[in-house]
């Protein structure tokens, strides 16, 4: 992927460039290295496109980066992260812990972003255990019906 070109583009051209990268299958761990070097300089549209690319990469490291965006101050970035997380085939315990944290204490209570479906994508035993504990702790209590 041509990261210089990626940074130069905006608007529809950025979206088309990202789409072409996905179509060509030009998604590899270099995207993570690029993000770590340049993250302080990236605007919201570029972050949204990187989140999409991280989702296509699909590695635990990439999905953990995506999960970190669930608390981003910009709603469109949070929304993109939520879409990728809920569509991920498998989440490790780190990404799942972030999902559970967001569900337990939403940083932006007025958000309509839904990530509950991500709970069904635990890819490790630890992730599935976290989900079971979360669901058990949040199960509605049935009313007592006498002695």
Foldseek 3Di string as FASTA:
>chain_A
DPVVVLVVDDDPVNVVVLVVCVVVVVQDCVLVVVCVVCVVPDDQVSLLSSLVSLLSRLDQVSLLVLLVQCLPPDPVSNQSSLVSLLPRQAYEQNSLVSVLVCVVPPPDVVDPRDNVSSLVHHPDPNSVVVSVVSCVVPPDDDDDDDD
